[in-house]
Amino acid sequence: MGDRQGDLENDLTLPSYVTTDAAVYYRANKLQLGLNFKNIFDTVYYQSGDTSLVYPGDPFSVEATVKYQF
């Protein structure tokens, strides 16, 4: 994401950032397992803001999924 304005009055500029995500899946017959890794390098970034608040992005997280088809 590049530099962008954080509010409608253009009083705040949010800095650019890069995050890295990855996913691993395994499928066997009707079963599917998955791991999603978000913001792997735990980059500090700001999603949005306004004149009085800046909203940080999510830190590193892992999400596991299990899917079974009947």
Protein backbone atom coordinates (compact mmCIF):
# COMPACT_ATOMS: atom_id res chain seq x y z
CA MET A 1 0.00 0.00 0.00
CA GLY A 2 1.38 3.40 -0.89
CA ASP A 3 1.22 6.68 1.02
CA ARG A 4 -2.34 7.96 1.31
CA GLN A 5 -4.42 10.59 3.05
CA GLY A 6 -5.81 9.50 6.41
CA ASP A 7 -8.75 11.90 6.56
CA LEU A 8 -11.03 13.90 4.28
CA GLU A 9 -9.32 17.21 5.11
CA ASN A 10 -5.90 15.85 4.00
CA ASP A 11 -4.42 16.79 7.39
CA LEU A 12 -2.89 13.36 7.90
CA THR A 13 -0.73 11.23 5.61
CA LEU A 14 -0.50 7.52 6.39
CA PRO A 15 2.84 5.94 5.41
CA SER A 16 3.22 3.15 2.87
CA TYR A 17 3.66 -0.45 3.99
CA VAL A 18 4.14 -4.02 2.75
CA THR A 19 2.86 -7.12 4.53
CA THR A 20 3.52 -10.76 3.67
CA ASP A 21 0.93 -13.53 3.90
CA ALA A 22 1.21 -17.26 3.14
CA ALA A 23 -1.05 -20.29 3.12
CA VAL A 24 -0.55 -24.07 3.25
CA TYR A 25 -3.30 -26.55 2.35
CA TYR A 26 -3.59 -30.31 2.44
CA ARG A 27 -6.40 -32.26 0.81
CA ALA A 28 -7.13 -35.99 1.20
CA ASN A 29 -10.37 -37.33 -0.23
CA LYS A 30 -13.13 -35.28 1.42
CA LEU A 31 -10.94 -33.65 4.10
CA GLN A 32 -9.12 -30.35 3.62
CA LEU A 33 -6.79 -28.78 6.21
CA GLY A 34 -5.38 -25.28 5.91
CA LEU A 35 -3.07 -22.86 7.70
CA ASN A 36 -3.09 -19.15 6.84
CA PHE A 37 -0.22 -16.98 8.07
CA LYS A 38 -0.98 -13.26 8.01
CA ASN A 39 1.56 -10.43 8.36
CA ILE A 40 4.40 -12.96 8.74
CA PHE A 41 7.07 -10.37 9.57
CA ASP A 42 4.79 -8.58 12.08
CA THR A 43 4.99 -5.29 10.17
CA VAL A 44 3.61 -2.26 12.01
CA TYR A 45 1.22 -0.44 9.68
CA TYR A 46 -1.80 1.83 9.82
CA GLN A 47 -5.00 0.89 7.98
CA SER A 48 -6.84 4.18 8.35
CA GLY A 49 -7.18 7.28 10.44
CA ASP A 50 -8.98 10.53 11.02
CA THR A 51 -8.08 13.86 12.61
CA SER A 52 -7.86 12.43 16.14
CA LEU A 53 -7.19 8.67 15.77
CA VAL A 54 -4.98 6.35 13.72
CA TYR A 55 -6.05 2.71 13.40
CA PRO A 56 -3.20 0.18 13.34
CA GLY A 57 -3.31 -2.94 11.20
CA ASP A 58 -3.44 -6.48 12.55
CA PRO A 59 -0.25 -8.05 13.93
CA PHE A 60 1.07 -11.49 12.94
CA SER A 61 -1.64 -14.15 13.18
CA VAL A 62 -2.28 -17.76 12.21
CA GLU A 63 -5.67 -19.13 11.16
CA ALA A 64 -6.37 -22.86 10.92
CA THR A 65 -9.26 -24.32 8.92
CA VAL A 66 -10.74 -27.79 8.67
CA LYS A 67 -13.22 -28.67 5.94
CA TYR A 68 -15.00 -31.95 5.36
CA GLN A 69 -17.38 -32.55 2.48
CA PHE A 70 -20.24 -34.99 3.02
